[in-house]
Structure formats: structure tokens, C-alpha cells
Amino acid sequence: MLSVEFKSGNVYQYYDVPLNVFEQMKTAPSKGQFLALSIKGAFRYARA
């Protein structure tokens, strides 16, 4: 599970995110852009 905390303080949990996707996000120049293009819509999520 990947937990993402936004500047607003909201936390979302993305399920079944593979380790390689997490590693790519860590090294991405823009975490927000990576999240929008590679994670949102591709993985189930819930607001924590």
C-alpha cells in the first residue's frame, strides 16, 4: 500500500502499488505529476 499525504493534509492510500512503481515515484522530478499520470486511475484507493 502506498500512502500519500497532500499539502492540504488529506491522506490517500493506494492499494497494490508494486515496489518498482513506488521506487519510480521516489526518483521522479515531480511527485504530483507522477502520481497523476502513473497511479491515479490505475490503482484502487481510499481516503484515510
N, C-alpha and C. Protein backbone atom coordinates (compact mmCIF):
# COMPACT_ATOMS: atom_id res chain seq x y z
N MET A 1 0.84 -1.17 0.00
CA MET A 1 0.00 0.00 0.00
C MET A 1 0.89 1.24 0.00
N LEU A 2 0.52 2.20 -0.80
CA LEU A 2 1.23 3.47 -0.87
C LEU A 2 0.35 4.53 -0.23
N SER A 3 0.84 5.19 0.81
CA SER A 3 0.11 6.28 1.45
C SER A 3 0.70 7.59 0.96
N VAL A 4 -0.18 8.50 0.56
CA VAL A 4 0.26 9.80 0.06
C VAL A 4 -0.44 10.88 0.87
N GLU A 5 0.35 11.78 1.45
CA GLU A 5 -0.21 12.92 2.17
C GLU A 5 -0.04 14.17 1.31
N PHE A 6 -1.16 14.83 1.06
CA PHE A 6 -1.14 16.03 0.24
C PHE A 6 -0.91 17.26 1.12
N LYS A 7 -0.57 18.37 0.50
CA LYS A 7 -0.29 19.60 1.24
C LYS A 7 -1.48 20.02 2.09
N SER A 8 -2.68 19.67 1.65
CA SER A 8 -3.90 20.00 2.40
C SER A 8 -4.02 19.21 3.69
N GLY A 9 -3.20 18.15 3.80
CA GLY A 9 -3.26 17.28 4.97
C GLY A 9 -4.06 16.02 4.72
N ASN A 10 -4.78 15.95 3.61
CA ASN A 10 -5.52 14.73 3.26
C ASN A 10 -4.55 13.60 2.95
N VAL A 11 -4.91 12.40 3.39
CA VAL A 11 -4.09 11.22 3.14
C VAL A 11 -4.90 10.22 2.33
N TYR A 12 -4.31 9.73 1.27
CA TYR A 12 -4.93 8.70 0.45
C TYR A 12 -4.04 7.48 0.44
N GLN A 13 -4.67 6.32 0.45
CA GLN A 13 -3.95 5.06 0.41
C GLN A 13 -4.25 4.38 -0.92
N TYR A 14 -3.20 4.07 -1.67
CA TYR A 14 -3.33 3.40 -2.97
C TYR A 14 -2.90 1.95 -2.78
N TYR A 15 -3.78 1.03 -3.18
CA TYR A 15 -3.57 -0.39 -2.91
C TYR A 15 -2.88 -1.11 -4.06
N ASP A 16 -2.08 -2.11 -3.70
CA ASP A 16 -1.42 -3.00 -4.66
C ASP A 16 -0.47 -2.28 -5.60
N VAL A 17 0.14 -1.20 -5.12
CA VAL A 17 1.14 -0.49 -5.92
C VAL A 17 2.44 -1.29 -5.85
N PRO A 18 2.95 -1.73 -6.99
CA PRO A 18 4.19 -2.52 -6.97
C PRO A 18 5.38 -1.70 -6.48
N LEU A 19 6.35 -2.40 -5.92
CA LEU A 19 7.54 -1.73 -5.39
C LEU A 19 8.25 -0.92 -6.47
N ASN A 20 8.32 -1.44 -7.70
CA ASN A 20 9.03 -0.69 -8.75
C ASN A 20 8.33 0.64 -9.06
N VAL A 21 7.01 0.69 -8.95
CA VAL A 21 6.29 1.95 -9.18
C VAL A 21 6.59 2.93 -8.05
N PHE A 22 6.63 2.42 -6.82
CA PHE A 22 6.99 3.25 -5.68
C PHE A 22 8.40 3.82 -5.85
N GLU A 23 9.33 2.97 -6.27
CA GLU A 23 10.72 3.43 -6.47
C GLU A 23 10.78 4.50 -7.56
N GLN A 24 10.00 4.34 -8.62
CA GLN A 24 9.97 5.34 -9.68
C GLN A 24 9.42 6.66 -9.16
N MET A 25 8.40 6.57 -8.31
CA MET A 25 7.83 7.80 -7.75
C MET A 25 8.84 8.53 -6.88
N LYS A 26 9.61 7.78 -6.09
CA LYS A 26 10.61 8.40 -5.22
C LYS A 26 11.64 9.19 -6.01
N THR A 27 11.97 8.73 -7.22
CA THR A 27 13.01 9.41 -8.01
C THR A 27 12.44 10.36 -9.06
N ALA A 28 11.12 10.46 -9.14
CA ALA A 28 10.50 11.34 -10.14
C ALA A 28 10.78 12.80 -9.80
N PRO A 29 11.05 13.62 -10.81
CA PRO A 29 11.28 15.04 -10.57
C PRO A 29 10.05 15.73 -9.96
N SER A 30 8.85 15.29 -10.36
CA SER A 30 7.61 15.84 -9.83
C SER A 30 6.77 14.69 -9.30
N LYS A 31 6.65 14.61 -7.98
CA LYS A 31 5.86 13.54 -7.37
C LYS A 31 4.39 13.66 -7.76
N GLY A 32 3.87 14.88 -7.79
CA GLY A 32 2.47 15.10 -8.15
C GLY A 32 2.17 14.69 -9.57
N GLN A 33 3.05 15.02 -10.48
CA GLN A 33 2.84 14.64 -11.88
C GLN A 33 2.92 13.12 -12.04
N PHE A 34 3.86 12.50 -11.36
CA PHE A 34 3.97 11.04 -11.42
C PHE A 34 2.70 10.39 -10.87
N LEU A 35 2.22 10.90 -9.75
CA LEU A 35 1.01 10.37 -9.14
C LEU A 35 -0.16 10.49 -10.13
N ALA A 36 -0.30 11.64 -10.74
CA ALA A 36 -1.41 11.88 -11.67
C ALA A 36 -1.34 10.98 -12.89
N LEU A 37 -0.15 10.76 -13.41
CA LEU A 37 0.00 10.01 -14.67
C LEU A 37 0.13 8.50 -14.48
N SER A 38 0.68 8.08 -13.36
CA SER A 38 1.01 6.65 -13.22
C SER A 38 0.26 5.91 -12.13
N ILE A 39 -0.36 6.63 -11.21
CA ILE A 39 -1.00 5.95 -10.09
C ILE A 39 -2.51 6.19 -10.06
N LYS A 40 -2.91 7.46 -10.15
CA LYS A 40 -4.35 7.75 -10.13
C LYS A 40 -5.02 7.08 -11.33
N GLY A 41 -6.10 6.40 -11.06
CA GLY A 41 -6.83 5.71 -12.11
C GLY A 41 -6.30 4.32 -12.41
N ALA A 42 -5.12 4.00 -11.92
CA ALA A 42 -4.52 2.69 -12.19
C ALA A 42 -4.64 1.76 -10.98
N PHE A 43 -4.81 2.33 -9.78
CA PHE A 43 -4.85 1.53 -8.56
C PHE A 43 -6.05 1.94 -7.72
N ARG A 44 -6.60 0.96 -7.01
CA ARG A 44 -7.69 1.26 -6.06
C ARG A 44 -7.14 2.16 -4.96
N TYR A 45 -8.01 2.99 -4.41
CA TYR A 45 -7.57 3.89 -3.36
C TYR A 45 -8.71 4.16 -2.37
N ALA A 46 -8.35 4.70 -1.23
CA ALA A 46 -9.31 5.14 -0.24
C ALA A 46 -8.70 6.31 0.50
N ARG A 47 -9.55 7.20 0.93
CA ARG A 47 -9.09 8.30 1.76
C ARG A 47 -8.92 7.77 3.18
N ALA A 48 -7.81 8.07 3.78
CA ALA A 48 -7.53 7.55 5.12
C ALA A 48 -8.13 8.46 6.18
